[in-house]
């Protein structure tokens, strides 16, 4: 019985060692996502800082590959759906920086924590619905590893009039 137990434990440990890598290039293409070369920070900071197995990504906005941003105030200039799309685009911007920093998205162990900020009117209360654009994208890309703890808050203003700003903490494989 002990031999069987040890054999089962050994198989479980080995299965982690030989876990298949996901072809993220194909997965992103299937999701109609094109990553881009991230631009430089707009002020005196860096886009990412690693400490141990955690990578902290600075706040990103809904930047497109051409460098433009989705701007406007949700609840005034933009609908919830347009805000959702802005949060999704912010996710693509964050994925672009993440890949640039670590080289291979297979190094992501988990998306740990998300702070989503929505540029909105003072009476707007659907910030979670907007930030779902980001969260839904992370789950589509990383599966269970993309599920995260999250805050979604409203802001009176964001830099350059961006509709959304999101920062994340990512746990990386050893």
N, C-alpha and C. Protein backbone atom coordinates (compact mmCIF):
# COMPACT_ATOMS: atom_id res chain seq x y z
N UNK A 1 0.82 -1.19 0.00
CA UNK A 1 0.00 0.00 0.00
C UNK A 1 0.87 1.26 0.00
N UNK A 2 1.95 1.24 0.80
CA UNK A 2 2.85 2.39 0.85
C UNK A 2 3.49 2.63 -0.51
N UNK A 3 3.87 1.55 -1.20
CA UNK A 3 4.50 1.69 -2.51
C UNK A 3 3.54 2.35 -3.49
N UNK A 4 2.27 1.96 -3.44
CA UNK A 4 1.27 2.54 -4.32
C UNK A 4 1.09 4.03 -4.01
N UNK A 5 1.05 4.37 -2.74
CA UNK A 5 0.91 5.77 -2.34
C UNK A 5 2.10 6.59 -2.82
N UNK A 6 3.32 6.07 -2.63
CA UNK A 6 4.51 6.78 -3.08
C UNK A 6 4.54 6.92 -4.61
N UNK A 7 4.08 5.89 -5.31
CA UNK A 7 4.04 5.94 -6.77
C UNK A 7 3.06 7.03 -7.23
N UNK A 8 1.91 7.12 -6.56
CA UNK A 8 0.92 8.15 -6.92
C UNK A 8 1.48 9.55 -6.67
N UNK A 9 2.13 9.73 -5.54
CA UNK A 9 2.72 11.03 -5.22
C UNK A 9 3.80 11.38 -6.25
N UNK A 10 4.63 10.42 -6.59
CA UNK A 10 5.69 10.65 -7.58
C UNK A 10 5.10 11.05 -8.93
N UNK A 11 4.02 10.39 -9.34
CA UNK A 11 3.38 10.74 -10.61
C UNK A 11 2.82 12.16 -10.59
N UNK A 12 2.23 12.55 -9.47
CA UNK A 12 1.70 13.90 -9.36
C UNK A 12 2.82 14.94 -9.45
N UNK A 13 3.92 14.66 -8.77
CA UNK A 13 5.06 15.59 -8.82
C UNK A 13 5.65 15.66 -10.21
N UNK A 14 5.79 14.52 -10.86
CA UNK A 14 6.34 14.50 -12.21
C UNK A 14 5.42 15.19 -13.21
N UNK A 15 4.12 15.05 -13.02
CA UNK A 15 3.20 15.69 -13.96
C UNK A 15 3.36 17.20 -13.94
N UNK A 16 3.67 17.77 -12.76
CA UNK A 16 3.93 19.21 -12.70
C UNK A 16 5.21 19.55 -13.43
N UNK A 17 6.22 18.69 -13.33
CA UNK A 17 7.50 18.95 -13.98
C UNK A 17 7.38 18.92 -15.50
N UNK A 18 6.48 18.09 -16.01
CA UNK A 18 6.36 17.92 -17.45
C UNK A 18 5.07 18.53 -18.00
N UNK A 19 4.52 19.49 -17.25
CA UNK A 19 3.29 20.14 -17.71
C UNK A 19 3.54 20.78 -19.07
N UNK A 20 2.57 20.62 -19.95
CA UNK A 20 2.72 21.16 -21.30
C UNK A 20 2.64 22.68 -21.28
N UNK A 21 3.49 23.27 -22.08
CA UNK A 21 3.40 24.71 -22.26
C UNK A 21 2.30 25.00 -23.26
N UNK A 22 1.62 26.12 -23.03
CA UNK A 22 0.57 26.55 -23.93
C UNK A 22 1.20 27.37 -25.05
N UNK A 23 0.72 27.20 -26.24
CA UNK A 23 1.17 28.04 -27.36
C UNK A 23 0.37 29.34 -27.31
N UNK A 24 0.89 30.31 -26.54
CA UNK A 24 0.17 31.56 -26.34
C UNK A 24 0.06 32.37 -27.62
N UNK A 25 1.03 32.25 -28.52
CA UNK A 25 0.92 32.97 -29.79
C UNK A 25 -0.33 32.52 -30.54
N UNK A 26 -0.55 31.21 -30.58
CA UNK A 26 -1.74 30.67 -31.24
C UNK A 26 -3.01 31.05 -30.48
N UNK A 27 -2.94 30.93 -29.15
CA UNK A 27 -4.12 31.26 -28.35
C UNK A 27 -4.52 32.72 -28.54
N UNK A 28 -3.55 33.62 -28.51
CA UNK A 28 -3.84 35.04 -28.71
C UNK A 28 -4.40 35.30 -30.10
N UNK A 29 -3.84 34.61 -31.10
CA UNK A 29 -4.35 34.76 -32.47
C UNK A 29 -5.79 34.27 -32.55
N UNK A 30 -6.07 33.13 -31.91
CA UNK A 30 -7.43 32.60 -31.90
C UNK A 30 -8.42 33.56 -31.23
N UNK A 31 -7.92 34.33 -30.24
CA UNK A 31 -8.75 35.31 -29.55
C UNK A 31 -8.76 36.67 -30.26
N UNK A 32 -8.09 36.72 -31.43
CA UNK A 32 -8.00 37.95 -32.22
C UNK A 32 -7.30 39.07 -31.46
N UNK A 33 -6.20 38.70 -30.78
CA UNK A 33 -5.43 39.65 -29.98
C UNK A 33 -4.04 39.76 -30.57
N UNK A 34 -3.62 40.99 -30.84
CA UNK A 34 -2.26 41.25 -31.29
C UNK A 34 -1.55 42.08 -30.23
N UNK A 35 -0.48 41.51 -29.67
CA UNK A 35 0.32 42.26 -28.73
C UNK A 35 1.20 43.23 -29.50
N UNK A 36 1.67 44.27 -28.83
CA UNK A 36 2.49 45.30 -29.48
C UNK A 36 3.65 45.67 -28.57
N UNK A 37 4.61 46.36 -29.14
CA UNK A 37 5.75 46.82 -28.36
C UNK A 37 5.28 47.95 -27.44
N UNK A 38 5.41 47.77 -26.12
CA UNK A 38 4.93 48.81 -25.20
C UNK A 38 5.71 50.11 -25.36
N UNK A 39 5.01 51.21 -25.18
CA UNK A 39 5.66 52.52 -25.19
C UNK A 39 6.38 52.78 -23.88
N UNK A 40 7.05 53.88 -23.82
CA UNK A 40 7.77 54.27 -22.61
C UNK A 40 6.79 54.86 -21.60
N UNK A 41 7.12 54.79 -20.30
CA UNK A 41 6.26 55.42 -19.29
C UNK A 41 6.09 56.92 -19.55
N UNK A 42 4.97 57.47 -19.13
CA UNK A 42 4.70 58.89 -19.38
C UNK A 42 5.27 59.81 -18.30
N UNK A 43 5.88 59.22 -17.26
CA UNK A 43 6.45 60.03 -16.18
C UNK A 43 7.65 59.27 -15.59
N UNK A 44 8.06 59.64 -14.40
CA UNK A 44 9.25 59.08 -13.76
C UNK A 44 8.92 57.79 -12.99
N UNK A 45 8.75 56.71 -13.72
CA UNK A 45 8.50 55.39 -13.14
C UNK A 45 8.85 54.34 -14.18
N UNK A 46 8.81 53.08 -13.77
CA UNK A 46 9.03 51.98 -14.70
C UNK A 46 7.71 51.21 -14.85
N UNK A 47 7.59 50.49 -15.94
CA UNK A 47 6.33 49.78 -16.22
C UNK A 47 6.16 48.52 -15.37
N UNK A 48 7.29 47.95 -14.89
CA UNK A 48 7.18 46.73 -14.10
C UNK A 48 8.35 46.63 -13.14
N UNK A 49 8.07 46.04 -11.97
CA UNK A 49 9.10 45.77 -10.97
C UNK A 49 8.89 44.35 -10.47
N UNK A 50 9.97 43.58 -10.48
CA UNK A 50 9.91 42.21 -9.98
C UNK A 50 10.58 42.13 -8.62
N UNK A 51 9.92 41.46 -7.70
CA UNK A 51 10.50 41.14 -6.42
C UNK A 51 10.14 39.69 -6.12
N UNK A 52 11.16 38.85 -6.01
CA UNK A 52 10.90 37.42 -5.84
C UNK A 52 10.15 36.89 -7.04
N UNK A 53 9.05 36.19 -6.78
CA UNK A 53 8.24 35.62 -7.87
C UNK A 53 7.05 36.50 -8.23
N UNK A 54 7.03 37.73 -7.71
CA UNK A 54 5.93 38.64 -8.03
C UNK A 54 6.40 39.74 -8.97
N UNK A 55 5.57 40.01 -9.97
CA UNK A 55 5.82 41.09 -10.91
C UNK A 55 4.68 42.09 -10.75
N UNK A 56 5.04 43.32 -10.40
CA UNK A 56 4.08 44.40 -10.23
C UNK A 56 4.09 45.23 -11.51
N UNK A 57 2.96 45.32 -12.18
CA UNK A 57 2.86 46.14 -13.38
C UNK A 57 2.16 47.44 -13.04
N UNK A 58 2.79 48.55 -13.42
CA UNK A 58 2.24 49.88 -13.19
C UNK A 58 0.90 50.02 -13.91
N UNK A 59 0.17 51.05 -13.51
CA UNK A 59 -1.11 51.31 -14.16
C UNK A 59 -0.95 51.52 -15.65
N UNK A 60 -1.78 50.84 -16.41
CA UNK A 60 -1.83 50.95 -17.87
C UNK A 60 -3.21 51.43 -18.26
N UNK A 61 -3.26 52.12 -19.36
CA UNK A 61 -4.53 52.55 -19.91
C UNK A 61 -4.87 51.77 -21.15
N UNK A 62 -6.00 52.10 -21.76
CA UNK A 62 -6.46 51.40 -22.96
C UNK A 62 -5.70 51.86 -24.21
N UNK A 63 -4.40 51.62 -24.19
CA UNK A 63 -3.53 52.03 -25.29
C UNK A 63 -3.62 51.04 -26.43
N UNK A 64 -3.72 51.57 -27.63
CA UNK A 64 -3.76 50.74 -28.84
C UNK A 64 -2.34 50.66 -29.42
N UNK A 65 -2.16 49.78 -30.38
CA UNK A 65 -0.84 49.57 -30.99
C UNK A 65 -0.28 50.87 -31.59
N UNK A 66 -1.15 51.77 -32.05
CA UNK A 66 -0.67 53.03 -32.64
C UNK A 66 -0.33 54.09 -31.59
N UNK A 67 -0.47 53.75 -30.30
CA UNK A 67 -0.13 54.67 -29.22
C UNK A 67 -1.29 55.53 -28.74
N UNK A 68 -2.40 55.49 -29.44
CA UNK A 68 -3.56 56.27 -29.00
C UNK A 68 -4.28 55.54 -27.87
N UNK A 69 -5.08 56.28 -27.12
CA UNK A 69 -5.84 55.72 -26.00
C UNK A 69 -7.33 55.90 -26.23
N UNK A 70 -8.11 55.02 -25.62
CA UNK A 70 -9.56 55.23 -25.57
C UNK A 70 -9.79 56.22 -24.43
N UNK A 71 -10.39 57.34 -24.75
CA UNK A 71 -10.59 58.38 -23.75
C UNK A 71 -12.08 58.63 -23.54
N UNK A 72 -12.38 59.26 -22.42
CA UNK A 72 -13.75 59.63 -22.12
C UNK A 72 -14.18 59.16 -20.74
N UNK A 73 -15.30 59.66 -20.32
CA UNK A 73 -15.86 59.37 -19.01
C UNK A 73 -17.04 58.41 -19.20
N UNK A 74 -16.96 57.25 -18.53
CA UNK A 74 -18.04 56.28 -18.60
C UNK A 74 -19.24 56.84 -17.85
N UNK A 75 -20.40 56.75 -18.47
CA UNK A 75 -21.62 57.31 -17.89
C UNK A 75 -21.94 58.68 -18.48
N UNK A 76 -20.99 59.22 -19.23
CA UNK A 76 -21.21 60.51 -19.90
C UNK A 76 -20.86 60.37 -21.38
N UNK A 77 -19.58 60.10 -21.65
CA UNK A 77 -19.09 59.99 -23.03
C UNK A 77 -19.14 58.56 -23.56
N UNK A 78 -19.06 57.60 -22.64
CA UNK A 78 -18.98 56.18 -23.02
C UNK A 78 -20.04 55.36 -22.29
N UNK A 79 -20.54 54.34 -22.97
CA UNK A 79 -21.48 53.40 -22.35
C UNK A 79 -20.70 52.37 -21.53
N UNK A 80 -21.43 51.56 -20.79
CA UNK A 80 -20.80 50.46 -20.05
C UNK A 80 -20.07 49.55 -21.03
N UNK A 81 -20.69 49.25 -22.16
CA UNK A 81 -20.08 48.36 -23.16
C UNK A 81 -18.79 48.95 -23.72
N UNK A 82 -18.78 50.25 -23.96
CA UNK A 82 -17.57 50.90 -24.45
C UNK A 82 -16.49 50.92 -23.36
N UNK A 83 -16.91 51.09 -22.11
CA UNK A 83 -15.97 51.00 -21.00
C UNK A 83 -15.39 49.60 -20.87
N UNK A 84 -16.24 48.58 -21.06
CA UNK A 84 -15.81 47.18 -21.05
C UNK A 84 -14.74 46.97 -22.12
N UNK A 85 -14.99 47.50 -23.31
CA UNK A 85 -14.01 47.37 -24.40
C UNK A 85 -12.70 48.09 -24.06
N UNK A 86 -12.80 49.23 -23.38
CA UNK A 86 -11.60 49.95 -22.96
C UNK A 86 -10.81 49.13 -21.93
N UNK A 87 -11.51 48.48 -21.01
CA UNK A 87 -10.84 47.63 -20.02
C UNK A 87 -10.19 46.43 -20.71
N UNK A 88 -10.84 45.87 -21.70
CA UNK A 88 -10.26 44.76 -22.47
C UNK A 88 -8.99 45.24 -23.19
N UNK A 89 -9.06 46.42 -23.81
CA UNK A 89 -7.88 46.96 -24.49
C UNK A 89 -6.75 47.22 -23.50
N UNK A 90 -7.10 47.64 -22.30
CA UNK A 90 -6.10 47.83 -21.25
C UNK A 90 -5.44 46.49 -20.92
N UNK A 91 -6.22 45.42 -20.93
CA UNK A 91 -5.66 44.09 -20.73
C UNK A 91 -4.66 43.71 -21.80
N UNK A 92 -4.96 44.07 -23.03
CA UNK A 92 -4.02 43.79 -24.13
C UNK A 92 -2.74 44.60 -23.94
N UNK A 93 -2.88 45.84 -23.50
CA UNK A 93 -1.71 46.67 -23.21
C UNK A 93 -0.87 46.04 -22.09
N UNK A 94 -1.52 45.58 -21.03
CA UNK A 94 -0.81 44.93 -19.93
C UNK A 94 -0.15 43.62 -20.37
N UNK A 95 -0.85 42.83 -21.19
CA UNK A 95 -0.25 41.60 -21.71
C UNK A 95 0.99 41.91 -22.56
N UNK A 96 0.93 43.00 -23.31
CA UNK A 96 2.08 43.39 -24.13
C UNK A 96 3.28 43.70 -23.25
N UNK A 97 3.06 44.45 -22.18
CA UNK A 97 4.15 44.76 -21.25
C UNK A 97 4.61 43.50 -20.54
N UNK A 98 3.68 42.67 -20.11
CA UNK A 98 4.01 41.44 -19.40
C UNK A 98 4.91 40.56 -20.27
N UNK A 99 4.52 40.34 -21.51
CA UNK A 99 5.33 39.52 -22.40
C UNK A 99 6.69 40.16 -22.66
N UNK A 100 6.72 41.46 -22.80
CA UNK A 100 7.98 42.17 -23.00
C UNK A 100 8.92 41.99 -21.80
N UNK A 101 8.36 41.96 -20.61
CA UNK A 101 9.15 41.83 -19.39
C UNK A 101 9.66 40.41 -19.14
N UNK A 102 8.80 39.41 -19.39
CA UNK A 102 9.17 38.03 -19.03
C UNK A 102 9.48 37.14 -20.22
N UNK A 103 9.18 37.59 -21.42
CA UNK A 103 9.53 36.84 -22.62
C UNK A 103 8.56 35.76 -23.04
N UNK A 104 8.03 35.02 -22.09
CA UNK A 104 7.17 33.88 -22.40
C UNK A 104 6.02 33.87 -21.40
N UNK A 105 4.79 33.95 -21.91
CA UNK A 105 3.63 33.97 -21.02
C UNK A 105 3.43 32.67 -20.26
N UNK A 106 4.14 31.60 -20.65
CA UNK A 106 4.09 30.35 -19.87
C UNK A 106 4.73 30.51 -18.50
N UNK A 107 5.46 31.58 -18.28
CA UNK A 107 6.06 31.84 -16.97
C UNK A 107 5.04 32.38 -15.96
N UNK A 108 3.83 32.72 -16.43
CA UNK A 108 2.79 33.23 -15.53
C UNK A 108 2.21 32.06 -14.74
N UNK A 109 2.34 32.15 -13.44
CA UNK A 109 1.74 31.15 -12.56
C UNK A 109 0.30 31.54 -12.22
N UNK A 110 0.08 32.86 -12.04
CA UNK A 110 -1.26 33.34 -11.70
C UNK A 110 -1.33 34.85 -11.79
N UNK A 111 -2.46 35.36 -12.24
CA UNK A 111 -2.77 36.78 -12.08
C UNK A 111 -3.33 36.88 -10.66
N UNK A 112 -2.64 37.61 -9.80
CA UNK A 112 -2.96 37.59 -8.37
C UNK A 112 -3.96 38.67 -7.99
N UNK A 113 -3.63 39.92 -8.31
CA UNK A 113 -4.44 41.05 -7.83
C UNK A 113 -4.56 42.10 -8.92
N UNK A 114 -5.74 42.69 -9.00
CA UNK A 114 -6.04 43.69 -10.02
C UNK A 114 -6.68 44.89 -9.33
N UNK A 115 -6.21 46.08 -9.69
CA UNK A 115 -6.88 47.31 -9.30
C UNK A 115 -7.34 47.98 -10.58
N UNK A 116 -8.65 48.05 -10.75
CA UNK A 116 -9.25 48.67 -11.93
C UNK A 116 -9.87 50.00 -11.58
N UNK A 117 -9.45 51.03 -12.29
CA UNK A 117 -9.96 52.39 -12.05
C UNK A 117 -10.72 52.85 -13.29
N UNK A 118 -11.92 53.33 -13.09
CA UNK A 118 -12.79 53.75 -14.19
C UNK A 118 -13.01 55.25 -14.10
N UNK A 119 -12.70 55.95 -15.16
CA UNK A 119 -12.98 57.38 -15.28
C UNK A 119 -14.48 57.48 -15.52
N UNK A 120 -15.22 57.99 -14.51
CA UNK A 120 -16.68 57.96 -14.63
C UNK A 120 -17.32 59.16 -13.93
N UNK A 121 -18.60 59.30 -14.18
CA UNK A 121 -19.36 60.36 -13.52
C UNK A 121 -19.55 60.00 -12.06
N UNK A 122 -19.89 60.99 -11.26
CA UNK A 122 -20.02 60.74 -9.81
C UNK A 122 -21.19 59.84 -9.46
N UNK A 123 -22.16 59.72 -10.34
CA UNK A 123 -23.32 58.86 -10.04
C UNK A 123 -23.20 57.47 -10.67
N UNK A 124 -22.14 57.22 -11.44
CA UNK A 124 -21.96 55.92 -12.10
C UNK A 124 -21.58 54.88 -11.05
N UNK A 125 -22.23 53.74 -11.06
CA UNK A 125 -21.96 52.71 -10.05
C UNK A 125 -21.67 51.33 -10.61
N UNK A 126 -21.43 51.22 -11.90
CA UNK A 126 -21.20 49.91 -12.52
C UNK A 126 -19.73 49.67 -12.87
N UNK A 127 -18.82 50.15 -12.03
CA UNK A 127 -17.40 49.94 -12.28
C UNK A 127 -17.05 48.46 -12.44
N UNK A 128 -17.63 47.55 -11.62
CA UNK A 128 -17.31 46.12 -11.82
C UNK A 128 -17.65 45.61 -13.21
N UNK A 129 -18.77 46.07 -13.79
CA UNK A 129 -19.15 45.64 -15.14
C UNK A 129 -18.13 46.11 -16.17
N UNK A 130 -17.57 47.30 -15.96
CA UNK A 130 -16.57 47.83 -16.88
C UNK A 130 -15.29 47.00 -16.77
N UNK A 131 -14.79 46.81 -15.56
CA UNK A 131 -13.52 46.11 -15.35
C UNK A 131 -13.62 44.62 -15.70
N UNK A 132 -14.85 44.10 -15.83
CA UNK A 132 -15.01 42.72 -16.33
C UNK A 132 -14.38 42.56 -17.71
N UNK A 133 -14.28 43.64 -18.48
CA UNK A 133 -13.62 43.56 -19.79
C UNK A 133 -12.19 43.06 -19.65
N UNK A 134 -11.51 43.50 -18.61
CA UNK A 134 -10.16 43.03 -18.32
C UNK A 134 -10.19 41.61 -17.76
N UNK A 135 -11.02 41.40 -16.74
CA UNK A 135 -11.06 40.10 -16.06
C UNK A 135 -11.45 38.97 -17.01
N UNK A 136 -12.45 39.22 -17.84
CA UNK A 136 -12.87 38.20 -18.81
C UNK A 136 -11.72 37.85 -19.77
N UNK A 137 -10.95 38.86 -20.16
CA UNK A 137 -9.80 38.61 -21.05
C UNK A 137 -8.75 37.75 -20.36
N UNK A 138 -8.43 38.04 -19.09
CA UNK A 138 -7.40 37.26 -18.39
C UNK A 138 -7.82 35.79 -18.26
N UNK A 139 -9.09 35.55 -18.00
CA UNK A 139 -9.56 34.17 -17.91
C UNK A 139 -9.55 33.50 -19.28
N UNK A 140 -9.89 34.24 -20.33
CA UNK A 140 -9.85 33.68 -21.69
C UNK A 140 -8.42 33.30 -22.07
N UNK A 141 -7.44 34.11 -21.67
CA UNK A 141 -6.05 33.86 -22.03
C UNK A 141 -5.41 32.80 -21.14
N UNK A 142 -5.59 32.93 -19.81
CA UNK A 142 -4.86 32.07 -18.87
C UNK A 142 -5.70 30.98 -18.21
N UNK A 143 -7.00 30.94 -18.47
CA UNK A 143 -7.85 29.95 -17.80
C UNK A 143 -7.89 30.22 -16.31
N UNK A 144 -7.83 29.16 -15.51
CA UNK A 144 -7.89 29.29 -14.05
C UNK A 144 -6.79 30.21 -13.51
N UNK A 145 -5.64 30.22 -14.16
CA UNK A 145 -4.53 31.08 -13.71
C UNK A 145 -4.86 32.56 -13.88
N UNK A 146 -5.87 32.86 -14.68
CA UNK A 146 -6.25 34.24 -14.92
C UNK A 146 -7.25 34.79 -13.92
N UNK A 147 -7.83 33.91 -13.08
CA UNK A 147 -8.77 34.38 -12.06
C UNK A 147 -7.99 35.08 -10.96
N UNK A 148 -8.53 36.18 -10.46
CA UNK A 148 -7.76 37.05 -9.58
C UNK A 148 -8.65 37.73 -8.55
N UNK A 149 -8.00 38.24 -7.50
CA UNK A 149 -8.66 39.15 -6.58
C UNK A 149 -8.69 40.51 -7.28
N UNK A 150 -9.72 41.33 -6.96
CA UNK A 150 -9.87 42.56 -7.74
C UNK A 150 -10.60 43.64 -6.96
N UNK A 151 -10.22 44.86 -7.24
CA UNK A 151 -10.98 46.04 -6.83
C UNK A 151 -11.33 46.80 -8.10
N UNK A 152 -12.54 47.34 -8.15
CA UNK A 152 -12.98 48.16 -9.29
C UNK A 152 -13.57 49.43 -8.70
N UNK A 153 -12.92 50.55 -8.96
CA UNK A 153 -13.32 51.81 -8.34
C UNK A 153 -13.53 52.89 -9.38
N UNK A 154 -14.32 53.88 -9.01
CA UNK A 154 -14.56 55.03 -9.87
C UNK A 154 -13.61 56.15 -9.54
N UNK A 155 -13.19 56.87 -10.57
CA UNK A 155 -12.29 58.01 -10.43
C UNK A 155 -12.91 59.21 -11.12
N UNK A 156 -12.64 60.38 -10.56
CA UNK A 156 -13.13 61.61 -11.16
C UNK A 156 -12.39 61.90 -12.46
N UNK A 157 -11.08 61.57 -12.48
CA UNK A 157 -10.27 61.80 -13.68
C UNK A 157 -9.12 60.80 -13.69
N UNK A 158 -8.64 60.49 -14.89
CA UNK A 158 -7.46 59.65 -15.08
C UNK A 158 -6.51 60.37 -16.04
N UNK A 159 -5.23 59.99 -16.02
CA UNK A 159 -4.26 60.68 -16.89
C UNK A 159 -4.70 60.72 -18.35
N UNK A 160 -4.52 61.86 -18.97
CA UNK A 160 -4.81 62.09 -20.39
C UNK A 160 -6.26 61.79 -20.76
N UNK A 161 -7.15 61.77 -19.77
CA UNK A 161 -8.56 61.52 -20.05
C UNK A 161 -8.89 60.07 -20.36
N UNK A 162 -7.94 59.13 -20.05
CA UNK A 162 -8.17 57.70 -20.34
C UNK A 162 -9.45 57.22 -19.67
N UNK A 163 -10.15 56.32 -20.33
CA UNK A 163 -11.40 55.78 -19.79
C UNK A 163 -11.16 54.83 -18.63
N UNK A 164 -10.04 54.12 -18.64
CA UNK A 164 -9.75 53.09 -17.66
C UNK A 164 -8.25 53.08 -17.39
N UNK A 165 -7.88 52.77 -16.15
CA UNK A 165 -6.49 52.48 -15.82
C UNK A 165 -6.50 51.25 -14.93
N UNK A 166 -5.59 50.31 -15.22
CA UNK A 166 -5.54 49.06 -14.46
C UNK A 166 -4.09 48.75 -14.12
N UNK A 167 -3.88 48.31 -12.87
CA UNK A 167 -2.57 47.80 -12.47
C UNK A 167 -2.76 46.38 -11.95
N UNK A 168 -1.73 45.55 -12.12
CA UNK A 168 -1.84 44.15 -11.73
C UNK A 168 -0.59 43.65 -11.02
N UNK A 169 -0.80 42.59 -10.26
CA UNK A 169 0.30 41.84 -9.64
C UNK A 169 0.22 40.42 -10.21
N UNK A 170 1.35 39.93 -10.72
CA UNK A 170 1.40 38.61 -11.35
C UNK A 170 2.42 37.74 -10.62
N UNK A 171 2.02 36.51 -10.30
CA UNK A 171 2.97 35.54 -9.74
C UNK A 171 3.59 34.78 -10.90
N UNK A 172 4.90 34.65 -10.86
CA UNK A 172 5.64 33.96 -11.91
C UNK A 172 6.15 32.62 -11.41
N UNK A 173 6.32 31.69 -12.35
CA UNK A 173 6.94 30.41 -12.01
C UNK A 173 8.38 30.67 -11.57
N UNK A 174 8.95 29.74 -10.83
CA UNK A 174 10.33 29.89 -10.37
C UNK A 174 11.31 30.05 -11.50
